[in-house]
Amino acid sequence: MYELRLDDTIGGHSNIRVIFLVPPDDWQPLQKMPLPVIWVIEAYPKKRQDFSKFDLNRFDAGRAIVRERFYETS
């Protein structure tokens, strides 16, 4: 998973953080995807520099949901 920081104001919110996932090469999709996929796990306004334990658990849960629903889990 990766983080993208947007230092702009969008919809009245500034300093947007986007957490996204680029699936590893060993994940096999359940159906053919014509282009590589980048999954957005969460987007929210940044309030501090670090991540809490709760944030990290939430991001991991989002990653697990993407893998369970769209990739083979053998």
PDB file of N, CA and C in Angstrom:
ATOM      1  N   MET A   1       0.837  -1.166   0.000  1.00  0.00           N
ATOM      2  CA  MET A   1       0.000   0.000   0.000  1.00  0.00           C
ATOM      3  C   MET A   1       0.884   1.232   0.000  1.00  0.00           C
ATOM      4  N   TYR A   2       0.330   2.289  -0.554  1.00  0.00           N
ATOM      5  CA  TYR A   2       1.066   3.534  -0.702  1.00  0.00           C
ATOM      6  C   TYR A   2       0.196   4.706  -0.263  1.00  0.00           C
ATOM      7  N   GLU A   3       0.839   5.850  -0.119  1.00  0.00           N
ATOM      8  CA  GLU A   3       0.139   7.072   0.275  1.00  0.00           C
ATOM      9  C   GLU A   3       0.445   8.169  -0.741  1.00  0.00           C
ATOM     10  N   LEU A   4      -0.594   8.892  -1.127  1.00  0.00           N
ATOM     11  CA  LEU A   4      -0.456  10.052  -1.992  1.00  0.00           C
ATOM     12  C   LEU A   4      -0.975  11.248  -1.204  1.00  0.00           C
ATOM     13  N   ARG A   5      -0.195  12.318  -1.147  1.00  0.00           N
ATOM     14  CA  ARG A   5      -0.615  13.533  -0.443  1.00  0.00           C
ATOM     15  C   ARG A   5      -0.909  14.628  -1.456  1.00  0.00           C
ATOM     16  N   LEU A   6      -2.094  15.211  -1.344  1.00  0.00           N
ATOM     17  CA  LEU A   6      -2.496  16.293  -2.233  1.00  0.00           C
ATOM     18  C   LEU A   6      -2.526  17.585  -1.427  1.00  0.00           C
ATOM     19  N   ASP A   7      -1.631  18.491  -1.732  1.00  0.00           N
ATOM     20  CA  ASP A   7      -1.560  19.773  -1.027  1.00  0.00           C
ATOM     21  C   ASP A   7      -2.404  20.812  -1.747  1.00  0.00           C
ATOM     22  N   ASP A   8      -3.697  20.583  -1.759  1.00  0.00           N
ATOM     23  CA  ASP A   8      -4.630  21.463  -2.450  1.00  0.00           C
ATOM     24  C   ASP A   8      -5.952  21.407  -1.703  1.00  0.00           C
ATOM     25  N   THR A   9      -6.854  22.288  -2.029  1.00  0.00           N
ATOM     26  CA  THR A   9      -8.176  22.267  -1.424  1.00  0.00           C
ATOM     27  C   THR A   9      -9.149  21.676  -2.430  1.00  0.00           C
ATOM     28  N   ILE A  10      -9.833  20.606  -2.016  1.00  0.00           N
ATOM     29  CA  ILE A  10     -10.797  19.914  -2.872  1.00  0.00           C
ATOM     30  C   ILE A  10     -12.075  19.765  -2.070  1.00  0.00           C
ATOM     31  N   GLY A  11     -13.158  20.322  -2.556  1.00  0.00           N
ATOM     32  CA  GLY A  11     -14.432  20.229  -1.861  1.00  0.00           C
ATOM     33  C   GLY A  11     -14.401  20.811  -0.460  1.00  0.00           C
ATOM     34  N   GLY A  12     -13.600  21.837  -0.266  1.00  0.00           N
ATOM     35  CA  GLY A  12     -13.508  22.466   1.042  1.00  0.00           C
ATOM     36  C   GLY A  12     -12.551  21.784   2.007  1.00  0.00           C
ATOM     37  N   HIS A  13     -11.947  20.680   1.583  1.00  0.00           N
ATOM     38  CA  HIS A  13     -10.981  19.961   2.418  1.00  0.00           C
ATOM     39  C   HIS A  13      -9.584  20.195   1.867  1.00  0.00           C
ATOM     40  N   SER A  14      -8.621  20.407   2.775  1.00  0.00           N
ATOM     41  CA  SER A  14      -7.245  20.603   2.328  1.00  0.00           C
ATOM     42  C   SER A  14      -6.358  19.488   2.842  1.00  0.00           C
ATOM     43  N   ASN A  15      -5.195  19.360   2.212  1.00  0.00           N
ATOM     44  CA  ASN A  15      -4.217  18.328   2.582  1.00  0.00           C
ATOM     45  C   ASN A  15      -4.835  16.931   2.587  1.00  0.00           C
ATOM     46  N   ILE A  16      -5.310  16.507   1.437  1.00  0.00           N
ATOM     47  CA  ILE A  16      -5.962  15.208   1.289  1.00  0.00           C
ATOM     48  C   ILE A  16      -4.906  14.107   1.230  1.00  0.00           C
ATOM     49  N   ARG A  17      -5.169  13.025   1.932  1.00  0.00           N
ATOM     50  CA  ARG A  17      -4.330  11.829   1.912  1.00  0.00           C
ATOM     51  C   ARG A  17      -5.111  10.726   1.213  1.00  0.00           C
ATOM     52  N   VAL A  18      -4.490  10.069   0.235  1.00  0.00           N
ATOM     53  CA  VAL A  18      -5.120   8.959  -0.476  1.00  0.00           C
ATOM     54  C   VAL A  18      -4.259   7.721  -0.219  1.00  0.00           C
ATOM     55  N   ILE A  19      -4.870   6.705   0.361  1.00  0.00           N
ATOM     56  CA  ILE A  19      -4.195   5.436   0.602  1.00  0.00           C
ATOM     57  C   ILE A  19      -4.633   4.508  -0.524  1.00  0.00           C
ATOM     58  N   PHE A  20      -3.663   3.950  -1.251  1.00  0.00           N
ATOM     59  CA  PHE A  20      -4.016   3.093  -2.376  1.00  0.00           C
ATOM     60  C   PHE A  20      -3.162   1.841  -2.393  1.00  0.00           C
ATOM     61  N   LEU A  21      -3.637   0.873  -3.143  1.00  0.00           N
ATOM     62  CA  LEU A  21      -3.003  -0.444  -3.220  1.00  0.00           C
ATOM     63  C   LEU A  21      -2.701  -0.781  -4.668  1.00  0.00           C
ATOM     64  N   VAL A  22      -1.476  -1.158  -4.927  1.00  0.00           N
ATOM     65  CA  VAL A  22      -1.086  -1.741  -6.202  1.00  0.00           C
ATOM     66  C   VAL A  22      -0.890  -3.221  -5.906  1.00  0.00           C
ATOM     67  N   PRO A  23      -1.758  -4.104  -6.437  1.00  0.00           N
ATOM     68  CA  PRO A  23      -1.665  -5.512  -6.062  1.00  0.00           C
ATOM     69  C   PRO A  23      -0.335  -6.126  -6.470  1.00  0.00           C
ATOM     70  N   PRO A  24       0.204  -7.012  -5.628  1.00  0.00           N
ATOM     71  CA  PRO A  24       1.451  -7.686  -5.977  1.00  0.00           C
ATOM     72  C   PRO A  24       1.277  -8.563  -7.216  1.00  0.00           C
ATOM     73  N   ASP A  25       2.362  -8.854  -7.879  1.00  0.00           N
ATOM     74  CA  ASP A  25       2.305  -9.657  -9.108  1.00  0.00           C
ATOM     75  C   ASP A  25       1.779 -11.067  -8.867  1.00  0.00           C
ATOM     76  N   ASP A  26       1.940 -11.596  -7.665  1.00  0.00           N
ATOM     77  CA  ASP A  26       1.492 -12.966  -7.425  1.00  0.00           C
ATOM     78  C   ASP A  26      -0.008 -13.074  -7.135  1.00  0.00           C
ATOM     79  N   TRP A  27      -0.718 -11.964  -7.018  1.00  0.00           N
ATOM     80  CA  TRP A  27      -2.178 -12.005  -6.865  1.00  0.00           C
ATOM     81  C   TRP A  27      -2.788 -12.207  -8.247  1.00  0.00           C
ATOM     82  N   GLN A  28      -3.574 -13.257  -8.414  1.00  0.00           N
ATOM     83  CA  GLN A  28      -4.226 -13.551  -9.689  1.00  0.00           C
ATOM     84  C   GLN A  28      -5.681 -13.076  -9.645  1.00  0.00           C
ATOM     85  N   PRO A  29      -6.096 -12.178 -10.546  1.00  0.00           N
ATOM     86  CA  PRO A  29      -7.475 -11.680 -10.524  1.00  0.00           C
ATOM     87  C   PRO A  29      -8.483 -12.779 -10.837  1.00  0.00           C
ATOM     88  N   LEU A  30      -9.684 -12.668 -10.270  1.00  0.00           N
ATOM     89  CA  LEU A  30     -10.753 -13.632 -10.533  1.00  0.00           C
ATOM     90  C   LEU A  30     -11.274 -13.514 -11.957  1.00  0.00           C
ATOM     91  N   GLN A  31     -11.214 -12.318 -12.524  1.00  0.00           N
ATOM     92  CA  GLN A  31     -11.611 -12.116 -13.920  1.00  0.00           C
ATOM     93  C   GLN A  31     -10.557 -11.269 -14.615  1.00  0.00           C
ATOM     94  N   LYS A  32     -10.492 -11.407 -15.919  1.00  0.00           N
ATOM     95  CA  LYS A  32      -9.483 -10.679 -16.685  1.00  0.00           C
ATOM     96  C   LYS A  32      -9.740  -9.171 -16.591  1.00  0.00           C
ATOM     97  N   MET A  33      -8.680  -8.436 -16.282  1.00  0.00           N
ATOM     98  CA  MET A  33      -8.766  -6.977 -16.221  1.00  0.00           C
ATOM     99  C   MET A  33      -7.926  -6.416 -17.364  1.00  0.00           C
ATOM    100  N   PRO A  34      -8.514  -5.574 -18.225  1.00  0.00           N
ATOM    101  CA  PRO A  34      -7.800  -5.123 -19.423  1.00  0.00           C
ATOM    102  C   PRO A  34      -6.599  -4.232 -19.122  1.00  0.00           C
ATOM    103  N   LEU A  35      -6.624  -3.520 -18.016  1.00  0.00           N
ATOM    104  CA  LEU A  35      -5.527  -2.626 -17.651  1.00  0.00           C
ATOM    105  C   LEU A  35      -5.122  -2.902 -16.205  1.00  0.00           C
ATOM    106  N   PRO A  36      -3.921  -2.525 -15.816  1.00  0.00           N
ATOM    107  CA  PRO A  36      -3.540  -2.674 -14.408  1.00  0.00           C
ATOM    108  C   PRO A  36      -4.492  -1.866 -13.508  1.00  0.00           C
ATOM    109  N   VAL A  37      -4.739  -2.390 -12.332  1.00  0.00           N
ATOM    110  CA  VAL A  37      -5.685  -1.770 -11.411  1.00  0.00           C
ATOM    111  C   VAL A  37      -4.944  -1.170 -10.219  1.00  0.00           C
ATOM    112  N   ILE A  38      -5.331   0.035  -9.842  1.00  0.00           N
ATOM    113  CA  ILE A  38      -4.866   0.669  -8.612  1.00  0.00           C
ATOM    114  C   ILE A  38      -6.107   0.858  -7.749  1.00  0.00           C
ATOM    115  N   TRP A  39      -6.124   0.245  -6.588  1.00  0.00           N
ATOM    116  CA  TRP A  39      -7.278   0.280  -5.695  1.00  0.00           C
ATOM    117  C   TRP A  39      -7.127   1.410  -4.687  1.00  0.00           C
ATOM    118  N   VAL A  40      -8.130   2.270  -4.605  1.00  0.00           N
ATOM    119  CA  VAL A  40      -8.140   3.322  -3.587  1.00  0.00           C
ATOM    120  C   VAL A  40      -8.764   2.726  -2.329  1.00  0.00           C
ATOM    121  N   ILE A  41      -7.981   2.671  -1.269  1.00  0.00           N
ATOM    122  CA  ILE A  41      -8.445   2.111  -0.002  1.00  0.00           C
ATOM    123  C   ILE A  41      -9.213   3.169   0.795  1.00  0.00           C
ATOM    124  N   GLU A  42      -8.668   4.388   0.827  1.00  0.00           N
ATOM    125  CA  GLU A  42      -9.321   5.453   1.585  1.00  0.00           C
ATOM    126  C   GLU A  42      -8.754   6.801   1.160  1.00  0.00           C
ATOM    127  N   ALA A  43      -9.581   7.824   1.222  1.00  0.00           N
ATOM    128  CA  ALA A  43      -9.156   9.210   0.985  1.00  0.00           C
ATOM    129  C   ALA A  43      -9.759  10.061   2.093  1.00  0.00           C
ATOM    130  N   TYR A  44      -8.927  10.868   2.739  1.00  0.00           N
ATOM    131  CA  TYR A  44      -9.406  11.684   3.850  1.00  0.00           C
ATOM    132  C   TYR A  44      -8.479  12.869   4.068  1.00  0.00           C
ATOM    133  N   PRO A  45      -8.963  13.929   4.743  1.00  0.00           N
ATOM    134  CA  PRO A  45      -8.106  15.084   5.029  1.00  0.00           C
ATOM    135  C   PRO A  45      -7.050  14.723   6.076  1.00  0.00           C
ATOM    136  N   LYS A  46      -5.831  15.143   5.822  1.00  0.00           N
ATOM    137  CA  LYS A  46      -4.711  14.856   6.717  1.00  0.00           C
ATOM    138  C   LYS A  46      -4.752  15.810   7.903  1.00  0.00           C
ATOM    139  N   LYS A  47      -4.683  15.261   9.100  1.00  0.00           N
ATOM    140  CA  LYS A  47      -4.683  16.096  10.300  1.00  0.00           C
ATOM    141  C   LYS A  47      -3.363  16.017  11.054  1.00  0.00           C
ATOM    142  N   ARG A  48      -2.591  14.944  10.804  1.00  0.00           N
ATOM    143  CA  ARG A  48      -1.290  14.808  11.459  1.00  0.00           C
ATOM    144  C   ARG A  48      -0.367  13.984  10.568  1.00  0.00           C
ATOM    145  N   GLN A  49       0.899  13.935  10.892  1.00  0.00           N
ATOM    146  CA  GLN A  49       1.888  13.299  10.028  1.00  0.00           C
ATOM    147  C   GLN A  49       1.904  11.775  10.119  1.00  0.00           C
ATOM    148  N   ASP A  50       1.648  11.235  11.315  1.00  0.00           N
ATOM    149  CA  ASP A  50       1.782   9.789  11.486  1.00  0.00           C
ATOM    150  C   ASP A  50       0.437   9.087  11.391  1.00  0.00           C
ATOM    151  N   PHE A  51       0.473   7.757  11.378  1.00  0.00           N
ATOM    152  CA  PHE A  51      -0.731   6.938  11.364  1.00  0.00           C
ATOM    153  C   PHE A  51      -0.891   6.289  12.728  1.00  0.00           C
ATOM    154  N   SER A  52      -2.132   6.210  13.194  1.00  0.00           N
ATOM    155  CA  SER A  52      -2.390   5.512  14.451  1.00  0.00           C
ATOM    156  C   SER A  52      -2.484   4.009  14.173  1.00  0.00           C
ATOM    157  N   LYS A  53      -2.460   3.226  15.227  1.00  0.00           N
ATOM    158  CA  LYS A  53      -2.618   1.775  15.100  1.00  0.00           C
ATOM    159  C   LYS A  53      -3.975   1.465  14.461  1.00  0.00           C
ATOM    160  N   PHE A  54      -5.005   2.235  14.846  1.00  0.00           N
ATOM    161  CA  PHE A  54      -6.331   2.057  14.271  1.00  0.00           C
ATOM    162  C   PHE A  54      -6.310   2.323  12.762  1.00  0.00           C
ATOM    163  N   ASP A  55      -5.608   3.380  12.327  1.00  0.00           N
ATOM    164  CA  ASP A  55      -5.491   3.676  10.894  1.00  0.00           C
ATOM    165  C   ASP A  55      -4.864   2.500  10.151  1.00  0.00           C
ATOM    166  N   LEU A  56      -3.767   1.991  10.670  1.00  0.00           N
ATOM    167  CA  LEU A  56      -3.065   0.885  10.012  1.00  0.00           C
ATOM    168  C   LEU A  56      -3.942  -0.365   9.943  1.00  0.00           C
ATOM    169  N   ASN A  57      -4.686  -0.647  11.001  1.00  0.00           N
ATOM    170  CA  ASN A  57      -5.599  -1.793  10.991  1.00  0.00           C
ATOM    171  C   ASN A  57      -6.704  -1.605   9.962  1.00  0.00           C
ATOM    172  N   ARG A  58      -7.220  -0.380   9.835  1.00  0.00           N
ATOM    173  CA  ARG A  58      -8.268  -0.077   8.860  1.00  0.00           C
ATOM    174  C   ARG A  58      -7.746  -0.249   7.427  1.00  0.00           C
ATOM    175  N   PHE A  59      -6.527   0.206   7.166  1.00  0.00           N
ATOM    176  CA  PHE A  59      -5.940   0.060   5.831  1.00  0.00           C
ATOM    177  C   PHE A  59      -5.714  -1.420   5.505  1.00  0.00           C
ATOM    178  N   ASP A  60      -5.236  -2.189   6.483  1.00  0.00           N
ATOM    179  CA  ASP A  60      -5.043  -3.628   6.269  1.00  0.00           C
ATOM    180  C   ASP A  60      -6.363  -4.333   5.992  1.00  0.00           C
ATOM    181  N   ALA A  61      -7.423  -3.914   6.674  1.00  0.00           N
ATOM    182  CA  ALA A  61      -8.745  -4.504   6.439  1.00  0.00           C
ATOM    183  C   ALA A  61      -9.225  -4.194   5.023  1.00  0.00           C
ATOM    184  N   GLY A  62      -9.000  -2.972   4.551  1.00  0.00           N
ATOM    185  CA  GLY A  62      -9.357  -2.615   3.179  1.00  0.00           C
ATOM    186  C   GLY A  62      -8.606  -3.455   2.162  1.00  0.00           C
ATOM    187  N   ARG A  63      -7.326  -3.677   2.421  1.00  0.00           N
ATOM    188  CA  ARG A  63      -6.495  -4.519   1.547  1.00  0.00           C
ATOM    189  C   ARG A  63      -7.038  -5.940   1.525  1.00  0.00           C
ATOM    190  N   ALA A  64      -7.401  -6.473   2.686  1.00  0.00           N
ATOM    191  CA  ALA A  64      -7.927  -7.836   2.779  1.00  0.00           C
ATOM    192  C   ALA A  64      -9.245  -7.972   2.027  1.00  0.00           C
ATOM    193  N   ILE A  65     -10.095  -6.956   2.103  1.00  0.00           N
ATOM    194  CA  ILE A  65     -11.378  -6.994   1.397  1.00  0.00           C
ATOM    195  C   ILE A  65     -11.159  -7.011  -0.119  1.00  0.00           C
ATOM    196  N   VAL A  66     -10.255  -6.186  -0.609  1.00  0.00           N
ATOM    197  CA  VAL A  66      -9.955  -6.172  -2.049  1.00  0.00           C
ATOM    198  C   VAL A  66      -9.458  -7.541  -2.488  1.00  0.00           C
ATOM    199  N   ARG A  67      -8.542  -8.116  -1.725  1.00  0.00           N
ATOM    200  CA  ARG A  67      -7.996  -9.422  -2.107  1.00  0.00           C
ATOM    201  C   ARG A  67      -9.080 -10.500  -2.092  1.00  0.00           C
ATOM    202  N   GLU A  68      -9.919 -10.492  -1.070  1.00  0.00           N
ATOM    203  CA  GLU A  68     -10.966 -11.507  -0.945  1.00  0.00           C
ATOM    204  C   GLU A  68     -11.985 -11.428  -2.072  1.00  0.00           C
ATOM    205  N   ARG A  69     -12.359 -10.218  -2.473  1.00  0.00           N
ATOM    206  CA  ARG A  69     -13.440 -10.050  -3.455  1.00  0.00           C
ATOM    207  C   ARG A  69     -12.988 -10.102  -4.910  1.00  0.00           C
ATOM    208  N   PHE A  70     -11.730  -9.758  -5.186  1.00  0.00           N
ATOM    209  CA  PHE A  70     -11.319  -9.614  -6.579  1.00  0.00           C
ATOM    210  C   PHE A  70     -10.132 -10.477  -7.007  1.00  0.00           C
ATOM    211  N   TYR A  71      -9.517 -11.222  -6.075  1.00  0.00           N
ATOM    212  CA  TYR A  71      -8.349 -12.029  -6.410  1.00  0.00           C
ATOM    213  C   TYR A  71      -8.474 -13.420  -5.823  1.00  0.00           C
ATOM    214  N   GLU A  72      -7.824 -14.379  -6.482  1.00  0.00           N
ATOM    215  CA  GLU A  72      -7.794 -15.744  -5.969  1.00  0.00           C
ATOM    216  C   GLU A  72      -7.013 -15.774  -4.670  1.00  0.00           C
ATOM    217  N   THR A  73      -7.506 -16.485  -3.689  1.00  0.00           N
ATOM    218  CA  THR A  73      -6.866 -16.529  -2.388  1.00  0.00           C
ATOM    219  C   THR A  73      -6.349 -17.927  -2.052  1.00  0.00           C
ATOM    220  N   SER A  74      -5.833 -18.618  -3.023  1.00  0.00           N
ATOM    221  CA  SER A  74      -5.369 -19.997  -2.783  1.00  0.00           C
ATOM    222  C   SER A  74      -4.088 -20.054  -1.992  1.00  0.00           C
TER     223      SER A  74
END
